[in-house]
N, C-alpha and C. Protein backbone atom coordinates (compact mmCIF):
# COMPACT_ATOMS: atom_id res chain seq x y z
N MET A 1 -72.97 7.22 10.33
CA MET A 1 -72.09 6.17 9.84
C MET A 1 -72.89 5.29 8.88
N LYS A 2 -72.19 4.67 7.93
CA LYS A 2 -72.84 3.80 6.95
C LYS A 2 -72.79 2.35 7.42
N TYR A 3 -73.96 1.69 7.39
CA TYR A 3 -74.10 0.30 7.81
C TYR A 3 -74.73 -0.52 6.70
N SER A 4 -74.61 -1.84 6.82
CA SER A 4 -75.31 -2.77 5.96
C SER A 4 -75.52 -4.06 6.75
N ILE A 5 -76.36 -4.93 6.25
CA ILE A 5 -76.61 -6.21 6.91
C ILE A 5 -76.39 -7.30 5.87
N VAL A 6 -75.50 -8.25 6.20
CA VAL A 6 -75.06 -9.23 5.21
C VAL A 6 -74.93 -10.63 5.82
N VAL A 7 -74.84 -11.60 4.93
CA VAL A 7 -74.48 -12.98 5.28
C VAL A 7 -73.15 -13.26 4.58
N PHE A 8 -72.19 -13.76 5.33
CA PHE A 8 -70.95 -14.23 4.72
C PHE A 8 -71.07 -15.74 4.53
N PRO A 9 -70.90 -16.24 3.30
CA PRO A 9 -71.02 -17.68 3.07
C PRO A 9 -69.80 -18.43 3.62
N SER A 10 -69.86 -19.74 3.51
CA SER A 10 -68.76 -20.60 3.98
C SER A 10 -67.47 -20.26 3.25
N SER A 11 -66.35 -20.69 3.83
CA SER A 11 -65.05 -20.40 3.22
C SER A 11 -64.93 -21.05 1.84
N LYS A 12 -65.55 -22.20 1.62
CA LYS A 12 -65.50 -22.86 0.31
C LYS A 12 -66.19 -21.98 -0.75
N VAL A 13 -67.36 -21.46 -0.42
CA VAL A 13 -68.08 -20.59 -1.35
C VAL A 13 -67.30 -19.29 -1.55
N GLN A 14 -66.72 -18.75 -0.47
CA GLN A 14 -65.93 -17.53 -0.58
C GLN A 14 -64.73 -17.73 -1.50
N GLU A 15 -64.11 -18.91 -1.39
CA GLU A 15 -62.95 -19.23 -2.24
C GLU A 15 -63.32 -19.18 -3.72
N VAL A 16 -64.43 -19.82 -4.06
CA VAL A 16 -64.88 -19.83 -5.46
C VAL A 16 -65.22 -18.40 -5.90
N ALA A 17 -65.98 -17.68 -5.08
CA ALA A 17 -66.36 -16.30 -5.43
C ALA A 17 -65.12 -15.43 -5.60
N ASN A 18 -64.17 -15.56 -4.69
CA ASN A 18 -62.96 -14.73 -4.76
C ASN A 18 -62.11 -15.04 -5.97
N SER A 19 -62.18 -16.26 -6.48
CA SER A 19 -61.40 -16.60 -7.68
C SER A 19 -61.85 -15.73 -8.86
N TYR A 20 -63.11 -15.28 -8.86
CA TYR A 20 -63.62 -14.37 -9.88
C TYR A 20 -63.52 -12.92 -9.43
N ARG A 21 -63.81 -12.67 -8.16
CA ARG A 21 -63.84 -11.29 -7.64
C ARG A 21 -62.49 -10.60 -7.80
N LYS A 22 -61.40 -11.33 -7.58
CA LYS A 22 -60.09 -10.66 -7.65
C LYS A 22 -59.82 -10.12 -9.05
N ARG A 23 -60.50 -10.66 -10.05
CA ARG A 23 -60.35 -10.17 -11.43
C ARG A 23 -61.43 -9.16 -11.82
N TYR A 24 -62.66 -9.36 -11.31
CA TYR A 24 -63.80 -8.61 -11.84
C TYR A 24 -64.49 -7.68 -10.84
N ASP A 25 -64.03 -7.63 -9.60
CA ASP A 25 -64.73 -6.83 -8.59
C ASP A 25 -63.78 -5.85 -7.92
N PRO A 26 -63.92 -4.55 -8.20
CA PRO A 26 -63.02 -3.57 -7.57
C PRO A 26 -63.19 -3.50 -6.04
N ALA A 27 -64.26 -4.05 -5.49
CA ALA A 27 -64.47 -4.05 -4.03
C ALA A 27 -63.83 -5.28 -3.38
N TYR A 28 -63.11 -6.07 -4.15
CA TYR A 28 -62.51 -7.32 -3.66
C TYR A 28 -61.75 -7.13 -2.35
N SER A 29 -60.96 -6.08 -2.25
CA SER A 29 -60.12 -5.89 -1.06
C SER A 29 -60.85 -5.18 0.08
N LEU A 30 -62.08 -4.74 -0.14
CA LEU A 30 -62.80 -3.96 0.87
C LEU A 30 -63.73 -4.79 1.75
N ILE A 31 -64.17 -5.94 1.24
CA ILE A 31 -65.12 -6.78 1.98
C ILE A 31 -65.06 -8.20 1.42
N PRO A 32 -65.19 -9.22 2.29
CA PRO A 32 -65.26 -10.60 1.79
C PRO A 32 -66.55 -10.80 0.98
N PRO A 33 -66.64 -11.88 0.22
CA PRO A 33 -67.88 -12.16 -0.52
C PRO A 33 -69.06 -12.22 0.46
N TYR A 34 -70.20 -11.68 0.02
CA TYR A 34 -71.35 -11.60 0.92
C TYR A 34 -72.66 -11.64 0.13
N ILE A 35 -73.72 -11.96 0.86
CA ILE A 35 -75.08 -11.85 0.35
C ILE A 35 -75.71 -10.72 1.16
N ARG A 36 -76.08 -9.67 0.50
CA ARG A 36 -76.61 -8.49 1.19
C ARG A 36 -78.08 -8.68 1.54
N LEU A 37 -78.40 -8.49 2.82
CA LEU A 37 -79.79 -8.55 3.28
C LEU A 37 -80.43 -7.18 3.33
N LYS A 38 -79.61 -6.15 3.52
CA LYS A 38 -80.09 -4.77 3.56
C LYS A 38 -78.99 -3.91 2.96
N GLU A 39 -79.33 -3.18 1.89
CA GLU A 39 -78.30 -2.34 1.26
C GLU A 39 -77.81 -1.28 2.23
N ALA A 40 -76.67 -0.72 1.93
CA ALA A 40 -76.01 0.25 2.80
C ALA A 40 -76.95 1.41 3.13
N PHE A 41 -76.89 1.84 4.39
CA PHE A 41 -77.74 2.93 4.86
C PHE A 41 -77.01 3.73 5.92
N GLU A 42 -77.36 4.99 6.03
CA GLU A 42 -76.80 5.86 7.05
C GLU A 42 -77.63 5.71 8.32
N LEU A 43 -76.94 5.70 9.47
CA LEU A 43 -77.64 5.59 10.74
C LEU A 43 -76.86 6.35 11.79
N ASP A 44 -77.56 7.15 12.54
CA ASP A 44 -76.96 7.88 13.64
C ASP A 44 -76.66 6.88 14.76
N GLU A 45 -75.51 7.04 15.42
CA GLU A 45 -75.11 6.09 16.47
C GLU A 45 -76.13 5.99 17.59
N SER A 46 -76.90 7.04 17.83
CA SER A 46 -77.91 7.01 18.88
C SER A 46 -79.02 6.01 18.57
N GLN A 47 -79.19 5.66 17.28
CA GLN A 47 -80.23 4.71 16.87
C GLN A 47 -79.73 3.26 16.85
N LEU A 48 -78.44 3.09 17.06
CA LEU A 48 -77.83 1.76 16.98
C LEU A 48 -78.42 0.76 17.97
N PRO A 49 -78.64 1.11 19.24
CA PRO A 49 -79.22 0.14 20.18
C PRO A 49 -80.59 -0.37 19.72
N HIS A 50 -81.41 0.52 19.14
CA HIS A 50 -82.73 0.11 18.62
C HIS A 50 -82.56 -0.88 17.48
N LEU A 51 -81.63 -0.60 16.57
CA LEU A 51 -81.37 -1.49 15.44
C LEU A 51 -80.88 -2.85 15.93
N VAL A 52 -79.91 -2.86 16.83
CA VAL A 52 -79.36 -4.12 17.36
C VAL A 52 -80.46 -4.94 18.04
N SER A 53 -81.31 -4.29 18.81
CA SER A 53 -82.41 -4.97 19.48
C SER A 53 -83.34 -5.62 18.46
N HIS A 54 -83.68 -4.88 17.41
CA HIS A 54 -84.54 -5.42 16.36
C HIS A 54 -83.89 -6.62 15.67
N LEU A 55 -82.60 -6.51 15.35
CA LEU A 55 -81.90 -7.60 14.67
C LEU A 55 -81.80 -8.84 15.55
N GLU A 56 -81.65 -8.66 16.86
CA GLU A 56 -81.66 -9.81 17.77
C GLU A 56 -83.01 -10.52 17.74
N LEU A 57 -84.10 -9.76 17.72
CA LEU A 57 -85.44 -10.35 17.62
C LEU A 57 -85.61 -11.10 16.31
N VAL A 58 -85.13 -10.52 15.23
CA VAL A 58 -85.22 -11.17 13.92
C VAL A 58 -84.45 -12.49 13.94
N ALA A 59 -83.22 -12.46 14.44
CA ALA A 59 -82.39 -13.67 14.47
C ALA A 59 -83.03 -14.75 15.33
N ASN A 60 -83.58 -14.37 16.48
CA ASN A 60 -84.19 -15.35 17.39
C ASN A 60 -85.48 -15.94 16.84
N SER A 61 -86.07 -15.30 15.83
CA SER A 61 -87.32 -15.81 15.26
C SER A 61 -87.13 -16.42 13.88
N THR A 62 -85.87 -16.64 13.48
CA THR A 62 -85.58 -17.16 12.14
C THR A 62 -84.77 -18.44 12.24
N GLU A 63 -85.24 -19.48 11.56
CA GLU A 63 -84.54 -20.76 11.53
C GLU A 63 -83.33 -20.68 10.60
N ALA A 64 -82.24 -21.34 10.98
CA ALA A 64 -81.08 -21.47 10.10
C ALA A 64 -81.51 -22.24 8.85
N PHE A 65 -80.82 -22.02 7.74
CA PHE A 65 -81.17 -22.69 6.49
C PHE A 65 -79.91 -22.87 5.64
N THR A 66 -80.06 -23.56 4.53
CA THR A 66 -78.94 -23.77 3.60
C THR A 66 -79.22 -23.00 2.33
N ALA A 67 -78.19 -22.34 1.82
CA ALA A 67 -78.30 -21.61 0.54
C ALA A 67 -77.54 -22.38 -0.52
N ASN A 68 -78.13 -22.47 -1.70
CA ASN A 68 -77.51 -23.16 -2.82
C ASN A 68 -77.28 -22.18 -3.96
N PHE A 69 -76.08 -22.21 -4.52
CA PHE A 69 -75.72 -21.38 -5.66
C PHE A 69 -75.58 -22.30 -6.86
N HIS A 70 -76.28 -21.99 -7.95
CA HIS A 70 -76.35 -22.94 -9.05
C HIS A 70 -75.94 -22.39 -10.42
N ARG A 71 -75.86 -21.07 -10.56
CA ARG A 71 -75.50 -20.53 -11.87
C ARG A 71 -75.04 -19.09 -11.73
N VAL A 72 -74.51 -18.56 -12.83
CA VAL A 72 -74.11 -17.16 -12.89
C VAL A 72 -75.20 -16.39 -13.62
N SER A 73 -75.46 -15.19 -13.15
CA SER A 73 -76.42 -14.33 -13.81
C SER A 73 -75.93 -12.89 -13.72
N SER A 74 -76.71 -11.95 -14.27
CA SER A 74 -76.32 -10.54 -14.18
C SER A 74 -77.57 -9.68 -14.05
N PHE A 75 -77.36 -8.44 -13.65
CA PHE A 75 -78.44 -7.48 -13.52
C PHE A 75 -78.55 -6.57 -14.75
N HIS A 76 -77.80 -6.91 -15.80
CA HIS A 76 -77.82 -6.12 -17.03
C HIS A 76 -79.23 -6.11 -17.60
N PRO A 77 -79.78 -5.03 -18.08
CA PRO A 77 -79.17 -3.75 -18.37
C PRO A 77 -79.26 -2.73 -17.21
N THR A 78 -79.91 -3.10 -16.10
CA THR A 78 -80.04 -2.17 -14.98
C THR A 78 -78.69 -1.82 -14.38
N ASN A 79 -77.85 -2.83 -14.22
CA ASN A 79 -76.58 -2.66 -13.54
C ASN A 79 -75.60 -3.70 -14.09
N ASN A 80 -74.37 -3.34 -14.36
CA ASN A 80 -73.39 -4.28 -14.90
C ASN A 80 -72.71 -5.05 -13.77
N VAL A 81 -73.51 -5.90 -13.13
CA VAL A 81 -73.05 -6.75 -12.03
C VAL A 81 -73.27 -8.21 -12.44
N ILE A 82 -72.24 -9.02 -12.18
CA ILE A 82 -72.34 -10.47 -12.39
C ILE A 82 -72.36 -11.11 -11.02
N TYR A 83 -73.21 -12.14 -10.86
CA TYR A 83 -73.33 -12.76 -9.54
C TYR A 83 -73.62 -14.25 -9.63
N LEU A 84 -73.34 -14.92 -8.51
CA LEU A 84 -73.78 -16.31 -8.35
C LEU A 84 -75.21 -16.25 -7.85
N ALA A 85 -76.11 -16.89 -8.57
CA ALA A 85 -77.52 -16.85 -8.24
C ALA A 85 -77.85 -17.84 -7.12
N VAL A 86 -78.73 -17.42 -6.23
CA VAL A 86 -79.20 -18.28 -5.14
C VAL A 86 -80.39 -19.07 -5.67
N GLN A 87 -80.32 -20.39 -5.53
CA GLN A 87 -81.38 -21.25 -6.04
C GLN A 87 -82.64 -21.18 -5.16
N ASN A 88 -82.46 -21.17 -3.87
CA ASN A 88 -83.59 -21.16 -2.94
C ASN A 88 -83.70 -19.78 -2.28
N LYS A 89 -84.41 -18.89 -2.94
CA LYS A 89 -84.47 -17.49 -2.53
C LYS A 89 -85.38 -17.23 -1.33
N GLU A 90 -86.37 -18.07 -1.12
CA GLU A 90 -87.42 -17.79 -0.13
C GLU A 90 -86.90 -17.51 1.28
N PRO A 91 -85.97 -18.31 1.83
CA PRO A 91 -85.49 -17.99 3.18
C PRO A 91 -84.82 -16.61 3.26
N PHE A 92 -84.09 -16.24 2.22
CA PHE A 92 -83.46 -14.92 2.20
C PHE A 92 -84.52 -13.82 2.11
N GLU A 93 -85.54 -14.05 1.28
CA GLU A 93 -86.60 -13.05 1.13
C GLU A 93 -87.35 -12.83 2.44
N LYS A 94 -87.62 -13.91 3.16
CA LYS A 94 -88.30 -13.80 4.46
C LYS A 94 -87.43 -13.06 5.47
N LEU A 95 -86.14 -13.40 5.51
CA LEU A 95 -85.21 -12.74 6.42
C LEU A 95 -85.10 -11.25 6.09
N HIS A 96 -84.97 -10.94 4.82
CA HIS A 96 -84.91 -9.55 4.37
C HIS A 96 -86.16 -8.78 4.80
N ALA A 97 -87.33 -9.38 4.58
CA ALA A 97 -88.59 -8.70 4.94
C ALA A 97 -88.66 -8.42 6.43
N LYS A 98 -88.23 -9.38 7.26
CA LYS A 98 -88.23 -9.16 8.71
C LYS A 98 -87.28 -8.03 9.10
N ILE A 99 -86.13 -7.99 8.46
CA ILE A 99 -85.12 -6.97 8.80
C ILE A 99 -85.62 -5.58 8.43
N VAL A 100 -86.12 -5.42 7.22
CA VAL A 100 -86.51 -4.08 6.76
C VAL A 100 -87.86 -3.63 7.30
N GLU A 101 -88.59 -4.55 7.91
CA GLU A 101 -89.91 -4.21 8.45
C GLU A 101 -89.84 -3.03 9.43
N LYS A 102 -88.82 -3.02 10.28
CA LYS A 102 -88.72 -1.97 11.28
C LYS A 102 -87.39 -1.23 11.24
N VAL A 103 -86.61 -1.48 10.23
CA VAL A 103 -85.29 -0.86 10.12
C VAL A 103 -85.31 0.18 9.02
N VAL A 104 -84.59 1.23 9.21
CA VAL A 104 -84.37 2.26 8.20
C VAL A 104 -85.51 2.30 7.18
N GLN A 105 -86.36 3.25 7.33
CA GLN A 105 -87.57 3.30 6.52
C GLN A 105 -87.37 3.79 5.09
N GLU A 106 -86.16 4.24 4.75
CA GLU A 106 -85.95 4.73 3.38
C GLU A 106 -86.12 3.60 2.38
N LYS A 107 -86.64 3.95 1.22
CA LYS A 107 -86.88 2.97 0.17
C LYS A 107 -85.53 2.48 -0.39
N GLU A 108 -85.47 1.20 -0.68
CA GLU A 108 -84.25 0.65 -1.24
C GLU A 108 -84.13 1.02 -2.71
N THR A 109 -82.90 1.12 -3.18
CA THR A 109 -82.63 1.52 -4.56
C THR A 109 -83.11 0.46 -5.55
N TYR A 110 -82.88 -0.80 -5.22
CA TYR A 110 -83.23 -1.91 -6.12
C TYR A 110 -84.12 -2.91 -5.39
N ALA A 111 -84.89 -3.67 -6.17
CA ALA A 111 -85.67 -4.77 -5.59
C ALA A 111 -84.70 -5.77 -4.98
N PHE A 112 -85.10 -6.43 -3.91
CA PHE A 112 -84.22 -7.39 -3.24
C PHE A 112 -84.12 -8.67 -4.05
N VAL A 113 -82.91 -9.01 -4.46
CA VAL A 113 -82.60 -10.26 -5.15
C VAL A 113 -81.40 -10.87 -4.44
N PRO A 114 -81.60 -11.96 -3.68
CA PRO A 114 -80.45 -12.54 -2.99
C PRO A 114 -79.43 -13.06 -4.01
N HIS A 115 -78.17 -12.66 -3.82
CA HIS A 115 -77.12 -13.04 -4.78
C HIS A 115 -75.76 -12.82 -4.13
N LEU A 116 -74.74 -13.37 -4.77
CA LEU A 116 -73.36 -13.22 -4.33
C LEU A 116 -72.58 -12.59 -5.49
N THR A 117 -72.26 -11.31 -5.37
CA THR A 117 -71.59 -10.58 -6.45
C THR A 117 -70.19 -11.12 -6.69
N ILE A 118 -69.87 -11.35 -7.98
CA ILE A 118 -68.51 -11.77 -8.33
C ILE A 118 -67.85 -10.80 -9.31
N GLY A 119 -68.62 -9.83 -9.80
CA GLY A 119 -68.06 -8.82 -10.69
C GLY A 119 -68.96 -7.60 -10.75
N ARG A 120 -68.36 -6.43 -10.80
CA ARG A 120 -69.15 -5.18 -10.88
C ARG A 120 -68.35 -4.13 -11.63
N GLU A 121 -69.08 -3.08 -12.04
CA GLU A 121 -68.48 -1.96 -12.77
C GLU A 121 -67.78 -2.42 -14.05
N LEU A 122 -68.40 -3.37 -14.73
CA LEU A 122 -67.86 -3.90 -15.98
C LEU A 122 -68.44 -3.15 -17.17
N SER A 123 -67.67 -3.05 -18.23
CA SER A 123 -68.21 -2.47 -19.47
C SER A 123 -69.21 -3.46 -20.05
N ASN A 124 -70.05 -3.01 -20.97
CA ASN A 124 -71.04 -3.90 -21.59
C ASN A 124 -70.35 -5.07 -22.29
N ASP A 125 -69.24 -4.81 -22.97
CA ASP A 125 -68.52 -5.87 -23.67
C ASP A 125 -67.93 -6.89 -22.69
N GLU A 126 -67.30 -6.38 -21.61
CA GLU A 126 -66.75 -7.28 -20.59
C GLU A 126 -67.87 -8.13 -19.98
N LEU A 127 -68.96 -7.50 -19.68
CA LEU A 127 -70.09 -8.20 -19.07
C LEU A 127 -70.58 -9.34 -19.95
N ARG A 128 -70.79 -9.04 -21.25
CA ARG A 128 -71.24 -10.07 -22.18
C ARG A 128 -70.23 -11.21 -22.28
N ASP A 129 -68.96 -10.86 -22.39
CA ASP A 129 -67.90 -11.85 -22.54
C ASP A 129 -67.82 -12.77 -21.31
N ILE A 130 -67.77 -12.17 -20.13
CA ILE A 130 -67.62 -12.94 -18.89
C ILE A 130 -68.87 -13.77 -18.60
N THR A 131 -70.04 -13.16 -18.80
CA THR A 131 -71.29 -13.89 -18.58
C THR A 131 -71.39 -15.08 -19.52
N GLY A 132 -70.98 -14.86 -20.78
CA GLY A 132 -70.99 -15.96 -21.76
C GLY A 132 -70.08 -17.10 -21.34
N GLN A 133 -68.88 -16.77 -20.88
CA GLN A 133 -67.93 -17.80 -20.44
C GLN A 133 -68.46 -18.55 -19.22
N LEU A 134 -68.94 -17.78 -18.23
CA LEU A 134 -69.34 -18.40 -16.96
C LEU A 134 -70.69 -19.12 -17.04
N SER A 135 -71.48 -18.81 -18.07
CA SER A 135 -72.77 -19.50 -18.20
C SER A 135 -72.55 -20.98 -18.53
N MET A 136 -71.36 -21.31 -19.01
CA MET A 136 -71.05 -22.72 -19.34
C MET A 136 -70.47 -23.48 -18.13
N VAL A 137 -70.16 -22.76 -17.06
CA VAL A 137 -69.59 -23.39 -15.87
C VAL A 137 -70.72 -23.92 -14.99
N LYS A 138 -70.58 -25.15 -14.52
CA LYS A 138 -71.58 -25.74 -13.63
C LYS A 138 -71.21 -25.39 -12.19
N PHE A 139 -72.11 -24.70 -11.51
CA PHE A 139 -71.90 -24.36 -10.11
C PHE A 139 -72.82 -25.22 -9.27
N ASP A 140 -72.26 -25.83 -8.25
CA ASP A 140 -73.04 -26.62 -7.30
C ASP A 140 -72.46 -26.35 -5.92
N LEU A 141 -72.77 -25.16 -5.39
CA LEU A 141 -72.21 -24.73 -4.12
C LEU A 141 -73.32 -24.56 -3.11
N SER A 142 -73.02 -24.85 -1.86
CA SER A 142 -74.00 -24.59 -0.81
C SER A 142 -73.28 -24.10 0.43
N THR A 143 -74.04 -23.39 1.24
CA THR A 143 -73.51 -22.87 2.50
C THR A 143 -74.63 -22.86 3.53
N ASP A 144 -74.27 -23.18 4.76
CA ASP A 144 -75.24 -23.07 5.84
C ASP A 144 -75.34 -21.61 6.25
N VAL A 145 -76.56 -21.14 6.38
CA VAL A 145 -76.80 -19.77 6.82
C VAL A 145 -77.35 -19.87 8.24
N ASP A 146 -76.47 -19.64 9.20
CA ASP A 146 -76.88 -19.73 10.61
C ASP A 146 -76.62 -18.44 11.36
N ARG A 147 -76.26 -17.38 10.59
CA ARG A 147 -75.98 -16.08 11.21
C ARG A 147 -75.99 -15.00 10.13
N PHE A 148 -76.19 -13.78 10.57
CA PHE A 148 -76.00 -12.64 9.70
C PHE A 148 -75.26 -11.57 10.49
N HIS A 149 -74.77 -10.55 9.80
CA HIS A 149 -73.88 -9.58 10.41
C HIS A 149 -74.32 -8.15 10.12
N LEU A 150 -74.25 -7.32 11.13
CA LEU A 150 -74.37 -5.88 10.95
C LEU A 150 -72.95 -5.38 10.73
N ILE A 151 -72.71 -4.76 9.58
CA ILE A 151 -71.37 -4.29 9.27
C ILE A 151 -71.39 -2.78 9.09
N TYR A 152 -70.23 -2.17 9.20
CA TYR A 152 -70.12 -0.73 9.03
C TYR A 152 -68.89 -0.41 8.19
N GLU A 153 -68.95 0.74 7.53
CA GLU A 153 -67.86 1.13 6.64
C GLU A 153 -66.89 2.05 7.36
N LEU A 154 -65.61 1.70 7.29
CA LEU A 154 -64.55 2.53 7.85
C LEU A 154 -64.22 3.67 6.89
N GLU A 155 -63.45 4.62 7.35
CA GLU A 155 -63.11 5.78 6.53
C GLU A 155 -62.37 5.41 5.24
N ASP A 156 -61.62 4.31 5.26
CA ASP A 156 -60.86 3.91 4.08
C ASP A 156 -61.67 3.03 3.11
N GLY A 157 -62.99 2.88 3.38
CA GLY A 157 -63.86 2.11 2.49
C GLY A 157 -63.95 0.64 2.83
N ILE A 158 -63.15 0.17 3.77
CA ILE A 158 -63.19 -1.24 4.19
C ILE A 158 -64.39 -1.43 5.13
N TRP A 159 -65.05 -2.55 4.99
CA TRP A 159 -66.21 -2.87 5.83
C TRP A 159 -65.77 -3.80 6.95
N SER A 160 -66.32 -3.57 8.14
CA SER A 160 -65.97 -4.36 9.33
C SER A 160 -67.25 -4.80 10.04
N VAL A 161 -67.18 -5.94 10.72
CA VAL A 161 -68.36 -6.46 11.44
C VAL A 161 -68.54 -5.69 12.74
N TYR A 162 -69.75 -5.18 12.93
CA TYR A 162 -70.11 -4.51 14.18
C TYR A 162 -70.66 -5.55 15.17
N GLN A 163 -71.59 -6.41 14.67
CA GLN A 163 -72.15 -7.45 15.53
C GLN A 163 -72.67 -8.58 14.67
N THR A 164 -72.61 -9.79 15.21
CA THR A 164 -73.09 -10.99 14.54
C THR A 164 -74.34 -11.47 15.27
N PHE A 165 -75.33 -11.93 14.50
CA PHE A 165 -76.60 -12.39 15.06
C PHE A 165 -76.82 -13.85 14.63
N LEU A 166 -76.97 -14.73 15.61
CA LEU A 166 -77.13 -16.16 15.35
C LEU A 166 -78.59 -16.50 15.15
N LEU A 167 -78.88 -17.29 14.10
CA LEU A 167 -80.24 -17.76 13.83
C LEU A 167 -80.55 -18.96 14.71
N LYS A 168 -81.85 -19.29 14.82
CA LYS A 168 -82.26 -20.48 15.58
C LYS A 168 -81.78 -21.74 14.86
N LYS A 169 -81.38 -22.73 15.64
CA LYS A 169 -80.93 -24.00 15.03
C LYS A 169 -82.00 -25.04 15.15
């Protein structure tokens, strides 16, 4: 089965992200806005208890924090994805490192950059146009990060939460 590990931001941040995602993100109906901590990976169900145990240890050893989104950026030319950039990346980077330390040993496709995707699979022209427009918008959004989620993909492509892990307060 395919799994991933994500943070879902506050409903206010999701509202803003969805105002763009419904136009620019074909995955809009498959999953709420999220910050990915571990890209999608295949895992045999027999390994799930080991993964859950590891994620519980990670959550219990990680302090809750606040994430701030301050601007729009893109991964162009590597990937035609537009996202809300995270201003304070360090807590996400530390959490990511703890998670991948003992989880799924396969190499990740891309370097870890904490972000909230608002558009994907755009043509080069669309990407330039949208990025140009949104670069003039002032974003001042924040969300408390006090949990992360192990999610799995259903047969119809929709992602569902398998388990939630609470960070230390």
